[in-house]
């Protein structure tokens, strides 16, 4: 009787394990497929950036095209005649695109992008953390109202604010200036809410103990609370730097009248040109130069991206 009772349990347990295995395999296959869909376009971009313009137009989906189908430059920069090309020989990688963007204004655009992203990020760390701490710890009339106003700003699409920003900067004479760009983006609603939620997770008893020892509010904030907020500050740094590195619309509105002040995303529109005459090798090389730094940062700090999203979860 005991054996008859245990046999169906073993069978049922084996069936459950089989189903779990099948579900795991299906889930892994789906994840691999989804990852391939996301990664392959980027790999193709990198591969095509090392082709000459003719090779990109001839076989854009080939990671390594054949010489017999196009005319391109050899390693010394000389054009290869179609008669001299042998079918089946693999392409010598071409750096015409990278050579072209380095001879253009891209180094200056890269410097603008790095400088503006760094300055805006540093200013945001100071202002967003102070504003977040004020909302989390200080009791003042309208505290809750200010919180909902900031939350409402976060819900407004950024494109809605472009024209008001343009008109205000125009009246203040800050268009086509670095100052106008920095002042406009010096603080953001997401960063304030991110820091507020993290500060609320810190026990109040720590601050009360510091007050008993005679520390004032500024001492408590800068010497006790802020060092404890390193994870949130790291997440805010990454989000802010990434957002400003890839910022196109604000740069177009604020800096669009002076090509010397362009950042990399805005400068790519110049490399692309107008109409149908597009130099694909230049555009793809510029895209790689723009994307690689952020890809490296995300690869090494992806844990902080996830933590930043969890910190920004709003509590009632």
C-alpha atoms as a PDB file:
ATOM      1  CA  UNK A   1       0.000   0.000   0.000  1.00  0.00           C
ATOM      2  CA  UNK A   2       2.858   2.343   0.771  1.00  0.00           C
ATOM      3  CA  UNK A   3       4.596   1.509  -2.520  1.00  0.00           C
ATOM      4  CA  UNK A   4       1.401   2.091  -4.516  1.00  0.00           C
ATOM      5  CA  UNK A   5       0.966   5.448  -2.828  1.00  0.00           C
ATOM      6  CA  UNK A   6       4.518   6.635  -3.509  1.00  0.00           C
ATOM      7  CA  UNK A   7       4.677   5.609  -7.184  1.00  0.00           C
ATOM      8  CA  UNK A   8       2.231   8.262  -8.488  1.00  0.00           C
ATOM      9  CA  UNK A   9       4.113  10.899  -6.472  1.00  0.00           C
ATOM     10  CA  UNK A  10       7.383   9.975  -8.176  1.00  0.00           C
ATOM     11  CA  UNK A  11       5.694  10.063 -11.580  1.00  0.00           C
ATOM     12  CA  UNK A  12       4.101  13.416 -10.833  1.00  0.00           C
ATOM     13  CA  UNK A  13       7.410  14.829  -9.583  1.00  0.00           C
ATOM     14  CA  UNK A  14       9.187  13.627 -12.731  1.00  0.00           C
ATOM     15  CA  UNK A  15       6.506  15.224 -14.926  1.00  0.00           C
ATOM     16  CA  UNK A  16       6.874  18.539 -13.103  1.00  0.00           C
ATOM     17  CA  UNK A  17      10.648  18.467 -13.538  1.00  0.00           C
ATOM     18  CA  UNK A  18      10.236  17.743 -17.250  1.00  0.00           C
ATOM     19  CA  UNK A  19       7.814  20.630 -17.659  1.00  0.00           C
ATOM     20  CA  UNK A  20      10.172  22.957 -15.799  1.00  0.00           C
ATOM     21  CA  UNK A  21      13.037  21.878 -18.036  1.00  0.00           C
ATOM     22  CA  UNK A  22      10.997  22.501 -21.170  1.00  0.00           C
ATOM     23  CA  UNK A  23       9.876  25.911 -19.910  1.00  0.00           C
ATOM     24  CA  UNK A  24      13.472  26.808 -19.033  1.00  0.00           C
ATOM     25  CA  UNK A  25      14.707  25.828 -22.499  1.00  0.00           C
ATOM     26  CA  UNK A  26      11.906  27.805 -24.167  1.00  0.00           C
ATOM     27  CA  UNK A  27      12.610  30.845 -21.985  1.00  0.00           C
ATOM     28  CA  UNK A  28      16.342  30.683 -22.718  1.00  0.00           C
ATOM     29  CA  UNK A  29      15.674  30.324 -26.452  1.00  0.00           C
ATOM     30  CA  UNK A  30      13.384  33.353 -26.342  1.00  0.00           C
ATOM     31  CA  UNK A  31      16.005  35.386 -24.446  1.00  0.00           C
ATOM     32  CA  UNK A  32      18.730  34.396 -26.931  1.00  0.00           C
ATOM     33  CA  UNK A  33      16.478  35.366 -29.840  1.00  0.00           C
ATOM     34  CA  UNK A  34      15.577  38.676 -28.205  1.00  0.00           C
ATOM     35  CA  UNK A  35      19.254  39.398 -27.456  1.00  0.00           C
ATOM     36  CA  UNK A  36      20.187  38.617 -31.069  1.00  0.00           C
ATOM     37  CA  UNK A  37      17.522  41.010 -32.345  1.00  0.00           C
ATOM     38  CA  UNK A  38      19.005  43.749 -30.149  1.00  0.00           C
ATOM     39  CA  UNK A  39      22.697  42.995 -30.731  1.00  0.00           C
ATOM     40  CA  UNK A  40      22.873  42.154 -34.455  1.00  0.00           C
ATOM     41  CA  UNK A  41      22.000  45.709 -35.671  1.00  0.00           C
ATOM     42  CA  UNK A  42      24.765  47.144 -33.484  1.00  0.00           C
ATOM     43  CA  UNK A  43      27.269  44.543 -34.708  1.00  0.00           C
ATOM     44  CA  UNK A  44      26.301  45.358 -38.302  1.00  0.00           C
ATOM     45  CA  UNK A  45      26.819  49.051 -37.585  1.00  0.00           C
ATOM     46  CA  UNK A  46      30.325  48.386 -36.297  1.00  0.00           C
ATOM     47  CA  UNK A  47      31.110  46.061 -39.220  1.00  0.00           C
ATOM     48  CA  UNK A  48      29.825  48.516 -41.828  1.00  0.00           C
ATOM     49  CA  UNK A  49      31.788  51.356 -40.253  1.00  0.00           C
ATOM     50  CA  UNK A  50      34.960  49.544 -41.353  1.00  0.00           C
ATOM     51  CA  UNK A  51      33.816  49.367 -44.982  1.00  0.00           C
ATOM     52  CA  UNK A  52      34.176  51.974 -47.659  1.00  0.00           C
ATOM     53  CA  UNK A  53      31.030  53.754 -48.846  1.00  0.00           C
ATOM     54  CA  UNK A  54      30.728  51.581 -51.966  1.00  0.00           C
ATOM     55  CA  UNK A  55      30.890  48.387 -49.918  1.00  0.00           C
ATOM     56  CA  UNK A  56      28.176  49.578 -47.543  1.00  0.00           C
ATOM     57  CA  UNK A  57      25.845  50.418 -50.420  1.00  0.00           C
ATOM     58  CA  UNK A  58      26.587  47.150 -52.224  1.00  0.00           C
ATOM     59  CA  UNK A  59      26.131  44.717 -49.340  1.00  0.00           C
ATOM     60  CA  UNK A  60      24.853  46.467 -46.205  1.00  0.00           C
ATOM     61  CA  UNK A  61      23.877  43.194 -44.504  1.00  0.00           C
ATOM     62  CA  UNK A  62      27.205  41.451 -45.100  1.00  0.00           C
ATOM     63  CA  UNK A  63      29.653  41.462 -42.238  1.00  0.00           C
ATOM     64  CA  UNK A  64      32.508  40.956 -44.739  1.00  0.00           C
ATOM     65  CA  UNK A  65      31.654  41.692 -48.421  1.00  0.00           C
ATOM     66  CA  UNK A  66      33.521  40.307 -51.433  1.00  0.00           C
ATOM     67  CA  UNK A  67      36.005  42.420 -53.347  1.00  0.00           C
ATOM     68  CA  UNK A  68      34.650  41.481 -56.783  1.00  0.00           C
ATOM     69  CA  UNK A  69      31.381  43.309 -56.231  1.00  0.00           C
ATOM     70  CA  UNK A  70      32.668  46.801 -55.404  1.00  0.00           C
ATOM     71  CA  UNK A  71      35.466  49.266 -55.920  1.00  0.00           C
ATOM     72  CA  UNK A  72      37.192  50.300 -52.704  1.00  0.00           C
ATOM     73  CA  UNK A  73      40.510  51.483 -51.322  1.00  0.00           C
ATOM     74  CA  UNK A  74      43.343  49.161 -50.342  1.00  0.00           C
ATOM     75  CA  UNK A  75      45.429  49.424 -47.180  1.00  0.00           C
ATOM     76  CA  UNK A  76      47.536  52.247 -48.677  1.00  0.00           C
ATOM     77  CA  UNK A  77      44.462  54.286 -49.552  1.00  0.00           C
ATOM     78  CA  UNK A  78      44.639  53.619 -53.303  1.00  0.00           C
ATOM     79  CA  UNK A  79      41.539  52.575 -55.237  1.00  0.00           C
ATOM     80  CA  UNK A  80      41.403  48.907 -56.226  1.00  0.00           C
ATOM     81  CA  UNK A  81      40.460  48.401 -59.847  1.00  0.00           C
ATOM     82  CA  UNK A  82      37.595  45.946 -60.453  1.00  0.00           C
ATOM     83  CA  UNK A  83      39.842  44.112 -62.948  1.00  0.00           C
ATOM     84  CA  UNK A  84      42.412  43.489 -60.208  1.00  0.00           C
ATOM     85  CA  UNK A  85      39.902  42.144 -57.744  1.00  0.00           C
ATOM     86  CA  UNK A  86      39.603  38.401 -57.304  1.00  0.00           C
ATOM     87  CA  UNK A  87      36.251  36.855 -56.535  1.00  0.00           C
ATOM     88  CA  UNK A  88      36.136  35.296 -53.109  1.00  0.00           C
ATOM     89  CA  UNK A  89      38.927  37.404 -51.585  1.00  0.00           C
ATOM     90  CA  UNK A  90      37.818  38.998 -48.337  1.00  0.00           C
ATOM     91  CA  UNK A  91      37.754  42.747 -47.903  1.00  0.00           C
ATOM     92  CA  UNK A  92      40.651  44.548 -46.288  1.00  0.00           C
ATOM     93  CA  UNK A  93      38.971  46.659 -43.574  1.00  0.00           C
ATOM     94  CA  UNK A  94      38.667  50.291 -44.595  1.00  0.00           C
ATOM     95  CA  UNK A  95      39.004  53.202 -42.173  1.00  0.00           C
ATOM     96  CA  UNK A  96      37.884  55.829 -44.679  1.00  0.00           C
ATOM     97  CA  UNK A  97      34.893  56.670 -42.483  1.00  0.00           C
ATOM     98  CA  UNK A  98      36.976  57.198 -39.344  1.00  0.00           C
ATOM     99  CA  UNK A  99      39.584  59.129 -41.297  1.00  0.00           C
ATOM    100  CA  UNK A 100      36.836  61.364 -42.674  1.00  0.00           C
ATOM    101  CA  UNK A 101      35.208  62.176 -39.333  1.00  0.00           C
ATOM    102  CA  UNK A 102      38.566  62.916 -37.705  1.00  0.00           C
ATOM    103  CA  UNK A 103      39.278  65.424 -40.455  1.00  0.00           C
ATOM    104  CA  UNK A 104      35.886  67.018 -39.790  1.00  0.00           C
ATOM    105  CA  UNK A 105      34.628  68.711 -36.602  1.00  0.00           C
ATOM    106  CA  UNK A 106      33.945  65.480 -34.748  1.00  0.00           C
ATOM    107  CA  UNK A 107      36.826  65.893 -32.245  1.00  0.00           C
ATOM    108  CA  UNK A 108      35.384  69.253 -31.190  1.00  0.00           C
ATOM    109  CA  UNK A 109      31.874  67.788 -30.983  1.00  0.00           C
ATOM    110  CA  UNK A 110      33.200  64.948 -28.842  1.00  0.00           C
ATOM    111  CA  UNK A 111      34.873  67.456 -26.528  1.00  0.00           C
ATOM    112  CA  UNK A 112      31.645  69.474 -26.316  1.00  0.00           C
ATOM    113  CA  UNK A 113      29.652  66.334 -25.521  1.00  0.00           C
ATOM    114  CA  UNK A 114      32.034  65.153 -22.805  1.00  0.00           C
ATOM    115  CA  UNK A 115      32.385  68.609 -21.242  1.00  0.00           C
ATOM    116  CA  UNK A 116      28.687  69.455 -21.205  1.00  0.00           C
ATOM    117  CA  UNK A 117      27.720  66.001 -19.952  1.00  0.00           C
ATOM    118  CA  UNK A 118      30.261  66.194 -17.129  1.00  0.00           C
ATOM    119  CA  UNK A 119      29.310  69.715 -16.003  1.00  0.00           C
ATOM    120  CA  UNK A 120      25.556  69.078 -16.145  1.00  0.00           C
ATOM    121  CA  UNK A 121      25.994  65.810 -14.242  1.00  0.00           C
ATOM    122  CA  UNK A 122      28.014  67.446 -11.463  1.00  0.00           C
ATOM    123  CA  UNK A 123      25.512  70.287 -11.066  1.00  0.00           C
ATOM    124  CA  UNK A 124      22.645  67.815 -11.005  1.00  0.00           C
ATOM    125  CA  UNK A 125      24.290  65.777  -8.272  1.00  0.00           C
ATOM    126  CA  UNK A 126      24.382  68.853  -6.034  1.00  0.00           C
ATOM    127  CA  UNK A 127      20.965  70.333  -6.813  1.00  0.00           C
ATOM    128  CA  UNK A 128      18.988  67.082  -7.109  1.00  0.00           C
ATOM    129  CA  UNK A 129      20.410  65.659  -3.880  1.00  0.00           C
ATOM    130  CA  UNK A 130      19.694  68.856  -1.930  1.00  0.00           C
ATOM    131  CA  UNK A 131      16.169  69.128  -3.308  1.00  0.00           C
ATOM    132  CA  UNK A 132      15.517  65.434  -2.685  1.00  0.00           C
ATOM    133  CA  UNK A 133      16.727  65.701   0.903  1.00  0.00           C
ATOM    134  CA  UNK A 134      14.542  68.749   1.513  1.00  0.00           C
ATOM    135  CA  UNK A 135      11.458  66.889   0.291  1.00  0.00           C
ATOM    136  CA  UNK A 136      12.329  63.753   2.270  1.00  0.00           C
ATOM    137  CA  UNK A 137      13.290  65.267   5.630  1.00  0.00           C
ATOM    138  CA  UNK A 138      12.248  68.915   5.970  1.00  0.00           C
ATOM    139  CA  UNK A 139       8.721  69.814   7.003  1.00  0.00           C
ATOM    140  CA  UNK A 140       7.590  73.084   5.453  1.00  0.00           C
ATOM    141  CA  UNK A 141       4.262  74.450   4.190  1.00  0.00           C
ATOM    142  CA  UNK A 142       3.507  73.058   0.745  1.00  0.00           C
ATOM    143  CA  UNK A 143       5.948  70.142   0.980  1.00  0.00           C
ATOM    144  CA  UNK A 144       3.418  67.688  -0.398  1.00  0.00           C
ATOM    145  CA  UNK A 145       2.325  70.163  -3.088  1.00  0.00           C
ATOM    146  CA  UNK A 146       5.900  70.634  -4.274  1.00  0.00           C
ATOM    147  CA  UNK A 147       6.297  66.865  -4.457  1.00  0.00           C
ATOM    148  CA  UNK A 148       3.231  66.481  -6.682  1.00  0.00           C
ATOM    149  CA  UNK A 149       4.317  69.414  -8.874  1.00  0.00           C
ATOM    150  CA  UNK A 150       7.686  67.730  -9.464  1.00  0.00           C
ATOM    151  CA  UNK A 151       5.910  64.441 -10.098  1.00  0.00           C
ATOM    152  CA  UNK A 152       3.647  66.194 -12.606  1.00  0.00           C
ATOM    153  CA  UNK A 153       6.660  67.656 -14.409  1.00  0.00           C
ATOM    154  CA  UNK A 154       8.054  64.134 -14.734  1.00  0.00           C
ATOM    155  CA  UNK A 155       4.838  63.060 -16.434  1.00  0.00           C
ATOM    156  CA  UNK A 156       4.985  65.833 -19.056  1.00  0.00           C
ATOM    157  CA  UNK A 157       6.675  64.756 -22.323  1.00  0.00           C
ATOM    158  CA  UNK A 158       9.957  66.584 -22.786  1.00  0.00           C
ATOM    159  CA  UNK A 159       9.032  67.736 -26.279  1.00  0.00           C
ATOM    160  CA  UNK A 160       6.237  69.873 -24.782  1.00  0.00           C
ATOM    161  CA  UNK A 161       8.831  71.980 -22.940  1.00  0.00           C
ATOM    162  CA  UNK A 162      11.072  72.645 -25.944  1.00  0.00           C
ATOM    163  CA  UNK A 163       9.313  75.751 -27.274  1.00  0.00           C
ATOM    164  CA  UNK A 164       8.882  77.400 -23.822  1.00  0.00           C
ATOM    165  CA  UNK A 165      12.571  76.766 -23.121  1.00  0.00           C
ATOM    166  CA  UNK A 166      13.523  78.249 -26.478  1.00  0.00           C
ATOM    167  CA  UNK A 167      11.453  81.395 -25.900  1.00  0.00           C
ATOM    168  CA  UNK A 168      12.797  81.898 -22.359  1.00  0.00           C
ATOM    169  CA  UNK A 169      16.423  81.437 -23.421  1.00  0.00           C
ATOM    170  CA  UNK A 170      15.900  83.782 -26.342  1.00  0.00           C
ATOM    171  CA  UNK A 171      14.577  86.521 -24.066  1.00  0.00           C
ATOM    172  CA  UNK A 172      17.490  85.972 -21.678  1.00  0.00           C
ATOM    173  CA  UNK A 173      20.062  86.032 -24.492  1.00  0.00           C
ATOM    174  CA  UNK A 174      21.302  82.538 -23.675  1.00  0.00           C
ATOM    175  CA  UNK A 175      20.666  80.830 -27.015  1.00  0.00           C
ATOM    176  CA  UNK A 176      23.762  79.310 -28.670  1.00  0.00           C
ATOM    177  CA  UNK A 177      25.690  79.435 -25.392  1.00  0.00           C
ATOM    178  CA  UNK A 178      27.057  76.754 -23.119  1.00  0.00           C
ATOM    179  CA  UNK A 179      25.549  78.587 -20.149  1.00  0.00           C
ATOM    180  CA  UNK A 180      22.050  78.281 -21.595  1.00  0.00           C
ATOM    181  CA  UNK A 181      22.470  74.526 -22.030  1.00  0.00           C
ATOM    182  CA  UNK A 182      23.838  73.998 -18.523  1.00  0.00           C
ATOM    183  CA  UNK A 183      21.251  76.191 -16.758  1.00  0.00           C
ATOM    184  CA  UNK A 184      18.367  74.531 -18.611  1.00  0.00           C
ATOM    185  CA  UNK A 185      19.438  71.002 -17.643  1.00  0.00           C
ATOM    186  CA  UNK A 186      20.986  71.757 -14.236  1.00  0.00           C
ATOM    187  CA  UNK A 187      18.226  69.899 -12.371  1.00  0.00           C
ATOM    188  CA  UNK A 188      15.604  67.373 -13.364  1.00  0.00           C
ATOM    189  CA  UNK A 189      12.495  65.906 -11.779  1.00  0.00           C
ATOM    190  CA  UNK A 190      13.680  62.313 -12.096  1.00  0.00           C
ATOM    191  CA  UNK A 191      16.883  62.994 -10.168  1.00  0.00           C
ATOM    192  CA  UNK A 192      15.021  64.786  -7.379  1.00  0.00           C
ATOM    193  CA  UNK A 193      12.542  61.945  -6.959  1.00  0.00           C
ATOM    194  CA  UNK A 194      15.326  59.375  -7.142  1.00  0.00           C
ATOM    195  CA  UNK A 195      17.255  61.027  -4.314  1.00  0.00           C
ATOM    196  CA  UNK A 196      14.092  61.653  -2.277  1.00  0.00           C
ATOM    197  CA  UNK A 197      13.144  57.982  -2.324  1.00  0.00           C
ATOM    198  CA  UNK A 198      16.633  56.926  -1.277  1.00  0.00           C
ATOM    199  CA  UNK A 199      16.880  59.451   1.551  1.00  0.00           C
ATOM    200  CA  UNK A 200      13.558  58.207   2.905  1.00  0.00           C
ATOM    201  CA  UNK A 201      15.057  54.713   3.183  1.00  0.00           C
ATOM    202  CA  UNK A 202      17.761  55.993   5.587  1.00  0.00           C
ATOM    203  CA  UNK A 203      16.678  55.630   9.254  1.00  0.00           C
ATOM    204  CA  UNK A 204      15.885  58.942  10.899  1.00  0.00           C
ATOM    205  CA  UNK A 205      17.535  57.775  14.106  1.00  0.00           C
ATOM    206  CA  UNK A 206      20.969  58.324  12.522  1.00  0.00           C
ATOM    207  CA  UNK A 207      20.205  62.005  11.950  1.00  0.00           C
ATOM    208  CA  UNK A 208      18.613  62.393  15.362  1.00  0.00           C
ATOM    209  CA  UNK A 209      21.752  61.006  16.995  1.00  0.00           C
ATOM    210  CA  UNK A 210      23.852  63.535  15.073  1.00  0.00           C
ATOM    211  CA  UNK A 211      21.534  66.365  16.196  1.00  0.00           C
ATOM    212  CA  UNK A 212      21.972  65.294  19.805  1.00  0.00           C
ATOM    213  CA  UNK A 213      25.739  65.587  19.320  1.00  0.00           C
ATOM    214  CA  UNK A 214      25.254  69.176  18.109  1.00  0.00           C
ATOM    215  CA  UNK A 215      25.434  68.765  14.324  1.00  0.00           C
ATOM    216  CA  UNK A 216      23.373  71.215  12.275  1.00  0.00           C
ATOM    217  CA  UNK A 217      21.307  70.319   9.221  1.00  0.00           C
ATOM    218  CA  UNK A 218      24.063  71.072   6.685  1.00  0.00           C
ATOM    219  CA  UNK A 219      26.620  69.029   8.623  1.00  0.00           C
ATOM    220  CA  UNK A 220      24.195  66.111   8.834  1.00  0.00           C
ATOM    221  CA  UNK A 221      23.476  66.286   5.102  1.00  0.00           C
ATOM    222  CA  UNK A 222      27.017  66.663   3.740  1.00  0.00           C
ATOM    223  CA  UNK A 223      28.951  64.550   6.266  1.00  0.00           C
ATOM    224  CA  UNK A 224      26.485  61.816   7.244  1.00  0.00           C
ATOM    225  CA  UNK A 225      23.551  61.421   4.861  1.00  0.00           C
ATOM    226  CA  UNK A 226      25.245  62.159   1.536  1.00  0.00           C
ATOM    227  CA  UNK A 227      28.072  59.606   1.990  1.00  0.00           C
ATOM    228  CA  UNK A 228      25.415  56.988   2.759  1.00  0.00           C
ATOM    229  CA  UNK A 229      23.651  57.822  -0.526  1.00  0.00           C
ATOM    230  CA  UNK A 230      26.562  56.638  -2.700  1.00  0.00           C
ATOM    231  CA  UNK A 231      24.476  53.999  -4.555  1.00  0.00           C
ATOM    232  CA  UNK A 232      21.788  56.539  -5.479  1.00  0.00           C
ATOM    233  CA  UNK A 233      24.397  59.153  -6.426  1.00  0.00           C
ATOM    234  CA  UNK A 234      26.135  56.605  -8.639  1.00  0.00           C
ATOM    235  CA  UNK A 235      22.868  55.733 -10.358  1.00  0.00           C
ATOM    236  CA  UNK A 236      22.039  59.425 -10.831  1.00  0.00           C
ATOM    237  CA  UNK A 237      25.511  60.061 -12.267  1.00  0.00           C
ATOM    238  CA  UNK A 238      25.127  57.299 -14.831  1.00  0.00           C
ATOM    239  CA  UNK A 239      21.600  58.289 -15.841  1.00  0.00           C
ATOM    240  CA  UNK A 240      22.498  61.978 -16.140  1.00  0.00           C
ATOM    241  CA  UNK A 241      25.728  61.416 -18.042  1.00  0.00           C
ATOM    242  CA  UNK A 242      24.082  58.975 -20.435  1.00  0.00           C
ATOM    243  CA  UNK A 243      21.091  61.235 -21.007  1.00  0.00           C
ATOM    244  CA  UNK A 244      23.223  64.266 -21.774  1.00  0.00           C
ATOM    245  CA  UNK A 245      25.658  62.304 -23.944  1.00  0.00           C
ATOM    246  CA  UNK A 246      22.739  61.218 -26.163  1.00  0.00           C
ATOM    247  CA  UNK A 247      20.787  64.481 -25.878  1.00  0.00           C
ATOM    248  CA  UNK A 248      19.700  65.607 -29.328  1.00  0.00           C
ATOM    249  CA  UNK A 249      16.557  67.713 -28.955  1.00  0.00           C
ATOM    250  CA  UNK A 250      17.827  70.082 -26.249  1.00  0.00           C
ATOM    251  CA  UNK A 251      21.108  70.538 -28.125  1.00  0.00           C
ATOM    252  CA  UNK A 252      19.176  71.268 -31.325  1.00  0.00           C
ATOM    253  CA  UNK A 253      17.030  73.933 -29.646  1.00  0.00           C
ATOM    254  CA  UNK A 254      19.725  75.556 -27.507  1.00  0.00           C
ATOM    255  CA  UNK A 255      22.943  75.083 -29.522  1.00  0.00           C
ATOM    256  CA  UNK A 256      21.577  74.485 -33.015  1.00  0.00           C
ATOM    257  CA  UNK A 257      22.639  77.886 -34.360  1.00  0.00           C
ATOM    258  CA  UNK A 258      26.381  77.354 -33.895  1.00  0.00           C
ATOM    259  CA  UNK A 259      28.059  74.254 -35.352  1.00  0.00           C
ATOM    260  CA  UNK A 260      31.130  74.780 -33.150  1.00  0.00           C
ATOM    261  CA  UNK A 261      28.953  74.031 -30.092  1.00  0.00           C
ATOM    262  CA  UNK A 262      27.305  70.887 -31.458  1.00  0.00           C
ATOM    263  CA  UNK A 263      27.403  67.664 -29.471  1.00  0.00           C
ATOM    264  CA  UNK A 264      27.876  64.276 -31.121  1.00  0.00           C
ATOM    265  CA  UNK A 265      24.192  63.387 -31.726  1.00  0.00           C
ATOM    266  CA  UNK A 266      23.590  66.782 -33.312  1.00  0.00           C
ATOM    267  CA  UNK A 267      26.822  66.588 -35.279  1.00  0.00           C
ATOM    268  CA  UNK A 268      25.738  63.288 -36.846  1.00  0.00           C
ATOM    269  CA  UNK A 269      23.019  65.171 -38.713  1.00  0.00           C
ATOM    270  CA  UNK A 270      25.760  67.222 -40.372  1.00  0.00           C
ATOM    271  CA  UNK A 271      27.677  64.084 -41.342  1.00  0.00           C
ATOM    272  CA  UNK A 272      24.497  62.623 -42.792  1.00  0.00           C
ATOM    273  CA  UNK A 273      24.001  65.604 -45.059  1.00  0.00           C
ATOM    274  CA  UNK A 274      20.788  66.384 -46.891  1.00  0.00           C
ATOM    275  CA  UNK A 275      18.811  64.606 -49.599  1.00  0.00           C
ATOM    276  CA  UNK A 276      19.907  61.255 -51.005  1.00  0.00           C
ATOM    277  CA  UNK A 277      23.664  61.930 -51.093  1.00  0.00           C
ATOM    278  CA  UNK A 278      24.599  60.187 -47.868  1.00  0.00           C
ATOM    279  CA  UNK A 279      28.121  59.042 -47.044  1.00  0.00           C
ATOM    280  CA  UNK A 280      27.285  55.918 -45.123  1.00  0.00           C
ATOM    281  CA  UNK A 281      30.833  55.233 -43.972  1.00  0.00           C
ATOM    282  CA  UNK A 282      31.015  58.656 -42.292  1.00  0.00           C
ATOM    283  CA  UNK A 283      27.609  58.299 -40.628  1.00  0.00           C
ATOM    284  CA  UNK A 284      28.292  54.786 -39.379  1.00  0.00           C
ATOM    285  CA  UNK A 285      31.760  55.666 -38.085  1.00  0.00           C
ATOM    286  CA  UNK A 286      30.298  58.671 -36.264  1.00  0.00           C
ATOM    287  CA  UNK A 287      27.533  56.486 -34.811  1.00  0.00           C
ATOM    288  CA  UNK A 288      30.090  54.005 -33.469  1.00  0.00           C
ATOM    289  CA  UNK A 289      32.182  56.765 -31.897  1.00  0.00           C
ATOM    290  CA  UNK A 290      29.028  58.167 -30.285  1.00  0.00           C
ATOM    291  CA  UNK A 291      27.721  54.823 -29.039  1.00  0.00           C
ATOM    292  CA  UNK A 292      30.810  52.952 -27.830  1.00  0.00           C
ATOM    293  CA  UNK A 293      31.496  55.082 -24.700  1.00  0.00           C
ATOM    294  CA  UNK A 294      27.936  54.638 -23.425  1.00  0.00           C
ATOM    295  CA  UNK A 295      27.994  50.928 -24.247  1.00  0.00           C
ATOM    296  CA  UNK A 296      31.156  50.526 -22.169  1.00  0.00           C
ATOM    297  CA  UNK A 297      29.681  52.493 -19.266  1.00  0.00           C
ATOM    298  CA  UNK A 298      26.485  50.431 -19.337  1.00  0.00           C
ATOM    299  CA  UNK A 299      28.453  47.165 -19.480  1.00  0.00           C
ATOM    300  CA  UNK A 300      30.463  47.961 -16.365  1.00  0.00           C
ATOM    301  CA  UNK A 301      27.739  49.769 -14.388  1.00  0.00           C
ATOM    302  CA  UNK A 302      24.557  47.968 -15.435  1.00  0.00           C
ATOM    303  CA  UNK A 303      23.885  47.009 -11.796  1.00  0.00           C
ATOM    304  CA  UNK A 304      23.518  50.689 -10.917  1.00  0.00           C
ATOM    305  CA  UNK A 305      21.034  51.205 -13.760  1.00  0.00           C
ATOM    306  CA  UNK A 306      18.800  48.545 -12.224  1.00  0.00           C
ATOM    307  CA  UNK A 307      19.259  49.966  -8.720  1.00  0.00           C
ATOM    308  CA  UNK A 308      18.421  53.454  -9.984  1.00  0.00           C
ATOM    309  CA  UNK A 309      15.136  52.210 -11.405  1.00  0.00           C
ATOM    310  CA  UNK A 310      14.272  50.495  -8.095  1.00  0.00           C
ATOM    311  CA  UNK A 311      15.150  53.621  -6.089  1.00  0.00           C
ATOM    312  CA  UNK A 312      12.836  55.732  -8.235  1.00  0.00           C
ATOM    313  CA  UNK A 313       9.781  53.634  -7.348  1.00  0.00           C
ATOM    314  CA  UNK A 314       7.374  56.142  -5.874  1.00  0.00           C
ATOM    315  CA  UNK A 315       5.742  55.500  -2.523  1.00  0.00           C
ATOM    316  CA  UNK A 316       2.421  57.027  -1.557  1.00  0.00           C
END
